[in-house]
Amino acid sequence: ITDVALDPFTSHGHDGLVDSERILNDETVEVLCKMA
């Protein structure tokens, strides 16, 4: 089983992409698909 989330890979530690400290949903999902 492999984890699909961005927090181990982001410099800020959040599970998603960030814009001005706002977590971006749809843009993050695009990256998660590539990761999976």
PDB file of all heavy atoms in Angstrom:
ATOM      1  N   ILE A   1       0.861  -1.180   0.000  1.00  0.00           N
ATOM      2  CA  ILE A   1       0.000   0.000   0.000  1.00  0.00           C
ATOM      3  C   ILE A   1       0.896   1.228   0.000  1.00  0.00           C
ATOM      4  O   ILE A   1       1.825   1.325   0.806  1.00  0.00           O
ATOM      5  CB  ILE A   1      -0.914   0.021   1.241  1.00  0.00           C
ATOM      6  CG1 ILE A   1      -1.767  -1.252   1.319  1.00  0.00           C
ATOM      7  CG2 ILE A   1      -1.796   1.259   1.252  1.00  0.00           C
ATOM      8  CD1 ILE A   1      -2.542  -1.386   2.623  1.00  0.00           C
ATOM      9  N   THR A   2       0.622   2.163  -0.896  1.00  0.00           N
ATOM     10  CA  THR A   2       1.438   3.369  -0.957  1.00  0.00           C
ATOM     11  C   THR A   2       0.579   4.612  -0.765  1.00  0.00           C
ATOM     12  O   THR A   2      -0.520   4.730  -1.298  1.00  0.00           O
ATOM     13  CB  THR A   2       2.189   3.460  -2.299  1.00  0.00           C
ATOM     14  OG1 THR A   2       1.308   3.130  -3.371  1.00  0.00           O
ATOM     15  CG2 THR A   2       3.372   2.504  -2.304  1.00  0.00           C
ATOM     16  N   ASP A   3       1.108   5.523  -0.005  1.00  0.00           N
ATOM     17  CA  ASP A   3       0.423   6.765   0.341  1.00  0.00           C
ATOM     18  C   ASP A   3       0.412   7.714  -0.851  1.00  0.00           C
ATOM     19  O   ASP A   3       1.430   7.883  -1.530  1.00  0.00           O
ATOM     20  CB  ASP A   3       1.160   7.409   1.523  1.00  0.00           C
ATOM     21  CG  ASP A   3       0.435   8.601   2.093  1.00  0.00           C
ATOM     22  OD1 ASP A   3      -0.764   8.486   2.377  1.00  0.00           O
ATOM     23  OD2 ASP A   3       1.083   9.657   2.261  1.00  0.00           O
ATOM     24  N   VAL A   4      -0.749   8.305  -1.125  1.00  0.00           N
ATOM     25  CA  VAL A   4      -0.858   9.317  -2.175  1.00  0.00           C
ATOM     26  C   VAL A   4      -1.246  10.628  -1.497  1.00  0.00           C
ATOM     27  O   VAL A   4      -2.405  10.883  -1.197  1.00  0.00           O
ATOM     28  CB  VAL A   4      -1.898   8.913  -3.243  1.00  0.00           C
ATOM     29  CG1 VAL A   4      -2.014  10.021  -4.293  1.00  0.00           C
ATOM     30  CG2 VAL A   4      -1.505   7.608  -3.904  1.00  0.00           C
ATOM     31  N   ALA A   5      -0.250  11.426  -1.205  1.00  0.00           N
ATOM     32  CA  ALA A   5      -0.423  12.747  -0.580  1.00  0.00           C
ATOM     33  C   ALA A   5       0.878  13.498  -0.759  1.00  0.00           C
ATOM     34  O   ALA A   5       1.947  12.887  -0.894  1.00  0.00           O
ATOM     35  CB  ALA A   5      -0.789  12.626   0.891  1.00  0.00           C
ATOM     36  N   LEU A   6       0.812  14.795  -0.728  1.00  0.00           N
ATOM     37  CA  LEU A   6       1.981  15.596  -1.067  1.00  0.00           C
ATOM     38  C   LEU A   6       2.812  16.029   0.133  1.00  0.00           C
ATOM     39  O   LEU A   6       3.921  16.539  -0.045  1.00  0.00           O
ATOM     40  CB  LEU A   6       1.539  16.841  -1.856  1.00  0.00           C
ATOM     41  CG  LEU A   6       0.743  16.589  -3.135  1.00  0.00           C
ATOM     42  CD1 LEU A   6       0.569  17.896  -3.900  1.00  0.00           C
ATOM     43  CD2 LEU A   6       1.391  15.531  -4.012  1.00  0.00           C
ATOM     44  N   ASP A   7       2.312  15.825   1.350  1.00  0.00           N
ATOM     45  CA  ASP A   7       3.010  16.400   2.503  1.00  0.00           C
ATOM     46  C   ASP A   7       4.455  15.933   2.682  1.00  0.00           C
ATOM     47  O   ASP A   7       5.284  16.713   3.143  1.00  0.00           O
ATOM     48  CB  ASP A   7       2.201  16.224   3.798  1.00  0.00           C
ATOM     49  CG  ASP A   7       1.759  14.803   4.059  1.00  0.00           C
ATOM     50  OD1 ASP A   7       1.405  14.097   3.104  1.00  0.00           O
ATOM     51  OD2 ASP A   7       1.752  14.381   5.232  1.00  0.00           O
ATOM     52  N   PRO A   8       4.838  14.679   2.339  1.00  0.00           N
ATOM     53  CA  PRO A   8       6.257  14.346   2.474  1.00  0.00           C
ATOM     54  C   PRO A   8       7.143  15.072   1.460  1.00  0.00           C
ATOM     55  O   PRO A   8       8.366  15.125   1.626  1.00  0.00           O
ATOM     56  CB  PRO A   8       6.289  12.831   2.218  1.00  0.00           C
ATOM     57  CG  PRO A   8       4.898  12.357   2.383  1.00  0.00           C
ATOM     58  CD  PRO A   8       4.053  13.504   1.929  1.00  0.00           C
ATOM     59  N   PHE A   9       6.519  15.620   0.404  1.00  0.00           N
ATOM     60  CA  PHE A   9       7.271  16.173  -0.714  1.00  0.00           C
ATOM     61  C   PHE A   9       7.222  17.693  -0.798  1.00  0.00           C
ATOM     62  O   PHE A   9       7.950  18.284  -1.592  1.00  0.00           O
ATOM     63  CB  PHE A   9       6.733  15.593  -2.027  1.00  0.00           C
ATOM     64  CG  PHE A   9       6.782  14.093  -2.086  1.00  0.00           C
ATOM     65  CD1 PHE A   9       5.694  13.333  -1.688  1.00  0.00           C
ATOM     66  CD2 PHE A   9       7.925  13.441  -2.530  1.00  0.00           C
ATOM     67  CE1 PHE A   9       5.733  11.945  -1.742  1.00  0.00           C
ATOM     68  CE2 PHE A   9       7.978  12.058  -2.586  1.00  0.00           C
ATOM     69  CZ  PHE A   9       6.885  11.308  -2.184  1.00  0.00           C
ATOM     70  N   THR A  10       6.343  18.326  -0.020  1.00  0.00           N
ATOM     71  CA  THR A  10       6.219  19.785  -0.090  1.00  0.00           C
ATOM     72  C   THR A  10       7.135  20.446   0.934  1.00  0.00           C
ATOM     73  O   THR A  10       7.325  19.942   2.049  1.00  0.00           O
ATOM     74  CB  THR A  10       4.770  20.237   0.167  1.00  0.00           C
ATOM     75  OG1 THR A  10       4.304  19.712   1.416  1.00  0.00           O
ATOM     76  CG2 THR A  10       3.860  19.767  -0.947  1.00  0.00           C
ATOM     77  N   SER A  11       7.661  21.590   0.546  1.00  0.00           N
ATOM     78  CA  SER A  11       8.549  22.326   1.448  1.00  0.00           C
ATOM     79  C   SER A  11       7.795  22.939   2.615  1.00  0.00           C
ATOM     80  O   SER A  11       8.385  23.257   3.652  1.00  0.00           O
ATOM     81  CB  SER A  11       9.282  23.422   0.673  1.00  0.00           C
ATOM     82  OG  SER A  11       8.365  24.204  -0.079  1.00  0.00           O
ATOM     83  N   HIS A  12       6.463  23.086   2.488  1.00  0.00           N
ATOM     84  CA  HIS A  12       5.660  23.685   3.553  1.00  0.00           C
ATOM     85  C   HIS A  12       4.958  22.648   4.426  1.00  0.00           C
ATOM     86  O   HIS A  12       4.398  22.988   5.462  1.00  0.00           O
ATOM     87  CB  HIS A  12       4.613  24.625   2.953  1.00  0.00           C
ATOM     88  CG  HIS A  12       3.910  24.061   1.757  1.00  0.00           C
ATOM     89  ND1 HIS A  12       2.995  23.041   1.839  1.00  0.00           N
ATOM     90  CD2 HIS A  12       4.017  24.391   0.439  1.00  0.00           C
ATOM     91  CE1 HIS A  12       2.557  22.751   0.608  1.00  0.00           C
ATOM     92  NE2 HIS A  12       3.161  23.551  -0.249  1.00  0.00           N
ATOM     93  N   GLY A  13       4.958  21.368   4.037  1.00  0.00           N
ATOM     94  CA  GLY A  13       4.400  20.308   4.861  1.00  0.00           C
ATOM     95  C   GLY A  13       2.918  20.049   4.702  1.00  0.00           C
ATOM     96  O   GLY A  13       2.360  19.175   5.377  1.00  0.00           O
ATOM     97  N   HIS A  14       2.256  20.777   3.801  1.00  0.00           N
ATOM     98  CA  HIS A  14       0.831  20.545   3.586  1.00  0.00           C
ATOM     99  C   HIS A  14       0.624  19.431   2.558  1.00  0.00           C
ATOM    100  O   HIS A  14       1.508  19.108   1.764  1.00  0.00           O
ATOM    101  CB  HIS A  14       0.134  21.825   3.146  1.00  0.00           C
ATOM    102  CG  HIS A  14      -0.264  22.701   4.286  1.00  0.00           C
ATOM    103  ND1 HIS A  14      -1.352  22.439   5.093  1.00  0.00           N
ATOM    104  CD2 HIS A  14       0.315  23.835   4.788  1.00  0.00           C
ATOM    105  CE1 HIS A  14      -1.448  23.373   6.025  1.00  0.00           C
ATOM    106  NE2 HIS A  14      -0.455  24.231   5.868  1.00  0.00           N
ATOM    107  N   ASP A  15      -0.608  18.882   2.566  1.00  0.00           N
ATOM    108  CA  ASP A  15      -0.953  17.775   1.675  1.00  0.00           C
ATOM    109  C   ASP A  15      -1.329  18.235   0.278  1.00  0.00           C
ATOM    110  O   ASP A  15      -1.663  17.405  -0.580  1.00  0.00           O
ATOM    111  CB  ASP A  15      -2.143  16.994   2.251  1.00  0.00           C
ATOM    112  CG  ASP A  15      -1.831  16.338   3.578  1.00  0.00           C
ATOM    113  OD1 ASP A  15      -1.307  17.028   4.472  1.00  0.00           O
ATOM    114  OD2 ASP A  15      -2.124  15.142   3.729  1.00  0.00           O
ATOM    115  N   GLY A  16      -1.315  19.519   0.036  1.00  0.00           N
ATOM    116  CA  GLY A  16      -1.704  20.044  -1.259  1.00  0.00           C
ATOM    117  C   GLY A  16      -0.835  21.203  -1.695  1.00  0.00           C
ATOM    118  O   GLY A  16      -0.016  21.714  -0.916  1.00  0.00           O
ATOM    119  N   LEU A  17      -1.014  21.600  -2.944  1.00  0.00           N
ATOM    120  CA  LEU A  17      -0.346  22.793  -3.451  1.00  0.00           C
ATOM    121  C   LEU A  17      -0.941  24.027  -2.778  1.00  0.00           C
ATOM    122  O   LEU A  17      -2.097  24.016  -2.345  1.00  0.00           O
ATOM    123  CB  LEU A  17      -0.514  22.882  -4.964  1.00  0.00           C
ATOM    124  CG  LEU A  17      -0.011  21.679  -5.771  1.00  0.00           C
ATOM    125  CD1 LEU A  17      -0.226  21.925  -7.258  1.00  0.00           C
ATOM    126  CD2 LEU A  17       1.449  21.373  -5.467  1.00  0.00           C
ATOM    127  N   VAL A  18      -0.159  25.077  -2.712  1.00  0.00           N
ATOM    128  CA  VAL A  18      -0.533  26.255  -1.918  1.00  0.00           C
ATOM    129  C   VAL A  18      -0.424  27.522  -2.753  1.00  0.00           C
ATOM    130  O   VAL A  18       0.506  27.679  -3.552  1.00  0.00           O
ATOM    131  CB  VAL A  18       0.373  26.355  -0.664  1.00  0.00           C
ATOM    132  CG1 VAL A  18       0.157  27.688   0.051  1.00  0.00           C
ATOM    133  CG2 VAL A  18       0.101  25.205   0.286  1.00  0.00           C
ATOM    134  N   ASP A  19      -1.382  28.392  -2.551  1.00  0.00           N
ATOM    135  CA  ASP A  19      -1.329  29.734  -3.134  1.00  0.00           C
ATOM    136  C   ASP A  19      -1.673  30.725  -2.035  1.00  0.00           C
ATOM    137  O   ASP A  19      -2.806  30.760  -1.552  1.00  0.00           O
ATOM    138  CB  ASP A  19      -2.314  29.867  -4.293  1.00  0.00           C
ATOM    139  CG  ASP A  19      -2.304  31.249  -4.931  1.00  0.00           C
ATOM    140  OD1 ASP A  19      -1.287  31.966  -4.773  1.00  0.00           O
ATOM    141  OD2 ASP A  19      -3.306  31.611  -5.564  1.00  0.00           O
ATOM    142  N   SER A  20      -0.679  31.503  -1.618  1.00  0.00           N
ATOM    143  CA  SER A  20      -0.866  32.483  -0.530  1.00  0.00           C
ATOM    144  C   SER A  20      -1.494  31.831   0.702  1.00  0.00           C
ATOM    145  O   SER A  20      -2.456  32.343   1.282  1.00  0.00           O
ATOM    146  CB  SER A  20      -1.736  33.653  -1.011  1.00  0.00           C
ATOM    147  OG  SER A  20      -1.133  34.294  -2.118  1.00  0.00           O
ATOM    148  N   GLU A  21      -0.935  30.693   1.087  1.00  0.00           N
ATOM    149  CA  GLU A  21      -1.372  29.924   2.264  1.00  0.00           C
ATOM    150  C   GLU A  21      -2.784  29.356   2.121  1.00  0.00           C
ATOM    151  O   GLU A  21      -3.389  28.929   3.098  1.00  0.00           O
ATOM    152  CB  GLU A  21      -1.231  30.747   3.558  1.00  0.00           C
ATOM    153  CG  GLU A  21       0.203  31.188   3.816  1.00  0.00           C
ATOM    154  CD  GLU A  21       0.429  31.703   5.232  1.00  0.00           C
ATOM    155  OE1 GLU A  21      -0.518  31.736   6.028  1.00  0.00           O
ATOM    156  OE2 GLU A  21       1.591  32.075   5.531  1.00  0.00           O
ATOM    157  N   ARG A  22      -3.311  29.321   0.915  1.00  0.00           N
ATOM    158  CA  ARG A  22      -4.585  28.660   0.646  1.00  0.00           C
ATOM    159  C   ARG A  22      -4.301  27.350  -0.063  1.00  0.00           C
ATOM    160  O   ARG A  22      -3.580  27.309  -1.051  1.00  0.00           O
ATOM    161  CB  ARG A  22      -5.480  29.561  -0.215  1.00  0.00           C
ATOM    162  CG  ARG A  22      -6.863  28.964  -0.513  1.00  0.00           C
ATOM    163  CD  ARG A  22      -7.726  29.989  -1.228  1.00  0.00           C
ATOM    164  NE  ARG A  22      -7.216  30.321  -2.546  1.00  0.00           N
ATOM    165  CZ  ARG A  22      -7.561  29.667  -3.660  1.00  0.00           C
ATOM    166  NH1 ARG A  22      -8.399  28.639  -3.608  1.00  0.00           N
ATOM    167  NH2 ARG A  22      -7.076  30.046  -4.831  1.00  0.00           N
ATOM    168  N   ILE A  23      -4.874  26.255   0.458  1.00  0.00           N
ATOM    169  CA  ILE A  23      -4.644  24.941  -0.120  1.00  0.00           C
ATOM    170  C   ILE A  23      -5.509  24.783  -1.367  1.00  0.00           C
ATOM    171  O   ILE A  23      -6.735  24.908  -1.309  1.00  0.00           O
ATOM    172  CB  ILE A  23      -4.968  23.824   0.889  1.00  0.00           C
ATOM    173  CG1 ILE A  23      -4.294  24.096   2.243  1.00  0.00           C
ATOM    174  CG2 ILE A  23      -4.547  22.465   0.352  1.00  0.00           C
ATOM    175  CD1 ILE A  23      -2.804  24.272   2.183  1.00  0.00           C
ATOM    176  N   LEU A  24      -4.875  24.508  -2.495  1.00  0.00           N
ATOM    177  CA  LEU A  24      -5.561  24.399  -3.777  1.00  0.00           C
ATOM    178  C   LEU A  24      -6.063  22.974  -3.980  1.00  0.00           C
ATOM    179  O   LEU A  24      -5.289  22.021  -3.922  1.00  0.00           O
ATOM    180  CB  LEU A  24      -4.618  24.777  -4.916  1.00  0.00           C
ATOM    181  CG  LEU A  24      -4.011  26.191  -4.839  1.00  0.00           C
ATOM    182  CD1 LEU A  24      -2.992  26.383  -5.946  1.00  0.00           C
ATOM    183  CD2 LEU A  24      -5.111  27.255  -4.913  1.00  0.00           C
ATOM    184  N   ASN A  25      -7.329  22.843  -4.251  1.00  0.00           N
ATOM    185  CA  ASN A  25      -7.928  21.502  -4.378  1.00  0.00           C
ATOM    186  C   ASN A  25      -7.677  20.880  -5.755  1.00  0.00           C
ATOM    187  O   ASN A  25      -7.002  19.853  -5.878  1.00  0.00           O
ATOM    188  CB  ASN A  25      -9.427  21.582  -4.123  1.00  0.00           C
ATOM    189  CG  ASN A  25     -10.064  20.216  -3.972  1.00  0.00           C
ATOM    190  OD1 ASN A  25     -10.196  19.696  -2.870  1.00  0.00           O
ATOM    191  ND2 ASN A  25     -10.472  19.578  -5.071  1.00  0.00           N
ATOM    192  N   ASP A  26      -8.208  21.480  -6.814  1.00  0.00           N
ATOM    193  CA  ASP A  26      -8.190  20.845  -8.132  1.00  0.00           C
ATOM    194  C   ASP A  26      -6.774  20.707  -8.680  1.00  0.00           C
ATOM    195  O   ASP A  26      -6.441  19.690  -9.302  1.00  0.00           O
ATOM    196  CB  ASP A  26      -9.059  21.630  -9.107  1.00  0.00           C
ATOM    197  CG  ASP A  26     -10.525  21.665  -8.668  1.00  0.00           C
ATOM    198  OD1 ASP A  26     -10.835  21.154  -7.563  1.00  0.00           O
ATOM    199  OD2 ASP A  26     -11.355  22.214  -9.413  1.00  0.00           O
ATOM    200  N   GLU A  27      -5.947  21.709  -8.453  1.00  0.00           N
ATOM    201  CA  GLU A  27      -4.553  21.637  -8.898  1.00  0.00           C
ATOM    202  C   GLU A  27      -3.807  20.515  -8.166  1.00  0.00           C
ATOM    203  O   GLU A  27      -2.967  19.827  -8.762  1.00  0.00           O
ATOM    204  CB  GLU A  27      -3.852  22.976  -8.670  1.00  0.00           C
ATOM    205  CG  GLU A  27      -4.394  24.114  -9.515  1.00  0.00           C
ATOM    206  CD  GLU A  27      -5.612  24.812  -8.902  1.00  0.00           C
ATOM    207  OE1 GLU A  27      -6.202  24.270  -7.940  1.00  0.00           O
ATOM    208  OE2 GLU A  27      -5.968  25.902  -9.396  1.00  0.00           O
ATOM    209  N   THR A  28      -4.127  20.336  -6.894  1.00  0.00           N
ATOM    210  CA  THR A  28      -3.516  19.249  -6.129  1.00  0.00           C
ATOM    211  C   THR A  28      -3.937  17.893  -6.677  1.00  0.00           C
ATOM    212  O   THR A  28      -3.113  16.972  -6.810  1.00  0.00           O
ATOM    213  CB  THR A  28      -3.916  19.356  -4.642  1.00  0.00           C
ATOM    214  OG1 THR A  28      -3.384  20.564  -4.102  1.00  0.00           O
ATOM    215  CG2 THR A  28      -3.389  18.171  -3.845  1.00  0.00           C
ATOM    216  N   VAL A  29      -5.208  17.747  -7.008  1.00  0.00           N
ATOM    217  CA  VAL A  29      -5.708  16.472  -7.529  1.00  0.00           C
ATOM    218  C   VAL A  29      -4.970  16.076  -8.801  1.00  0.00           C
ATOM    219  O   VAL A  29      -4.681  14.885  -9.014  1.00  0.00           O
ATOM    220  CB  VAL A  29      -7.232  16.548  -7.759  1.00  0.00           C
ATOM    221  CG1 VAL A  29      -7.735  15.320  -8.511  1.00  0.00           C
ATOM    222  CG2 VAL A  29      -7.963  16.670  -6.424  1.00  0.00           C
ATOM    223  N   GLU A  30      -4.633  17.033  -9.641  1.00  0.00           N
ATOM    224  CA  GLU A  30      -3.877  16.724 -10.859  1.00  0.00           C
ATOM    225  C   GLU A  30      -2.539  16.083 -10.523  1.00  0.00           C
ATOM    226  O   GLU A  30      -2.106  15.125 -11.180  1.00  0.00           O
ATOM    227  CB  GLU A  30      -3.663  17.999 -11.677  1.00  0.00           C
ATOM    228  CG  GLU A  30      -4.938  18.567 -12.297  1.00  0.00           C
ATOM    229  CD  GLU A  30      -4.674  19.821 -13.099  1.00  0.00           C
ATOM    230  OE1 GLU A  30      -3.482  20.104 -13.397  1.00  0.00           O
ATOM    231  OE2 GLU A  30      -5.640  20.526 -13.444  1.00  0.00           O
ATOM    232  N   VAL A  31      -1.871  16.594  -9.503  1.00  0.00           N
ATOM    233  CA  VAL A  31      -0.581  16.022  -9.092  1.00  0.00           C
ATOM    234  C   VAL A  31      -0.782  14.649  -8.456  1.00  0.00           C
ATOM    235  O   VAL A  31       0.001  13.715  -8.690  1.00  0.00           O
ATOM    236  CB  VAL A  31       0.144  16.975  -8.117  1.00  0.00           C
ATOM    237  CG1 VAL A  31       1.483  16.382  -7.677  1.00  0.00           C
ATOM    238  CG2 VAL A  31       0.364  18.344  -8.754  1.00  0.00           C
ATOM    239  N   LEU A  32      -1.830  14.498  -7.668  1.00  0.00           N
ATOM    240  CA  LEU A  32      -2.099  13.209  -7.042  1.00  0.00           C
ATOM    241  C   LEU A  32      -2.322  12.117  -8.081  1.00  0.00           C
ATOM    242  O   LEU A  32      -1.904  10.967  -7.886  1.00  0.00           O
ATOM    243  CB  LEU A  32      -3.324  13.318  -6.129  1.00  0.00           C
ATOM    244  CG  LEU A  32      -3.208  14.266  -4.939  1.00  0.00           C
ATOM    245  CD1 LEU A  32      -4.543  14.361  -4.208  1.00  0.00           C
ATOM    246  CD2 LEU A  32      -2.115  13.820  -3.982  1.00  0.00           C
ATOM    247  N   CYS A  33      -2.987  12.453  -9.170  1.00  0.00           N
ATOM    248  CA  CYS A  33      -3.202  11.479 -10.249  1.00  0.00           C
ATOM    249  C   CYS A  33      -1.871  11.024 -10.837  1.00  0.00           C
ATOM    250  O   CYS A  33      -1.657   9.819 -11.072  1.00  0.00           O
ATOM    251  CB  CYS A  33      -4.078  12.084 -11.338  1.00  0.00           C
ATOM    252  SG  CYS A  33      -5.809  12.292 -10.871  1.00  0.00           S
ATOM    253  N   LYS A  34      -0.976  11.961 -11.082  1.00  0.00           N
ATOM    254  CA  LYS A  34       0.347  11.603 -11.592  1.00  0.00           C
ATOM    255  C   LYS A  34       1.097  10.720 -10.598  1.00  0.00           C
ATOM    256  O   LYS A  34       1.752   9.738 -10.983  1.00  0.00           O
ATOM    257  CB  LYS A  34       1.168  12.869 -11.870  1.00  0.00           C
ATOM    258  CG  LYS A  34       0.619  13.770 -12.960  1.00  0.00           C
ATOM    259  CD  LYS A  34       1.496  15.016 -13.093  1.00  0.00           C
ATOM    260  CE  LYS A  34       0.938  16.007 -14.088  1.00  0.00           C
ATOM    261  NZ  LYS A  34       1.795  17.225 -14.173  1.00  0.00           N
ATOM    262  N   MET A  35       1.010  11.062  -9.331  1.00  0.00           N
ATOM    263  CA  MET A  35       1.685  10.307  -8.279  1.00  0.00           C
ATOM    264  C   MET A  35       1.153   8.871  -8.207  1.00  0.00           C
ATOM    265  O   MET A  35       1.913   7.903  -8.132  1.00  0.00           O
ATOM    266  CB  MET A  35       1.468  11.036  -6.944  1.00  0.00           C
ATOM    267  CG  MET A  35       2.182  10.444  -5.764  1.00  0.00           C
ATOM    268  SD  MET A  35       1.836  11.446  -4.282  1.00  0.00           S
ATOM    269  CE  MET A  35       2.830  10.588  -3.067  1.00  0.00           C
ATOM    270  N   ALA A  36      -0.172   8.732  -8.248  1.00  0.00           N
ATOM    271  CA  ALA A  36      -0.786   7.409  -8.187  1.00  0.00           C
ATOM    272  C   ALA A  36      -0.376   6.558  -9.375  1.00  0.00           C
ATOM    273  O   ALA A  36      -0.109   5.352  -9.242  1.00  0.00           O
ATOM    274  CB  ALA A  36      -2.305   7.541  -8.118  1.00  0.00           C
TER     275      ALA A  36
END
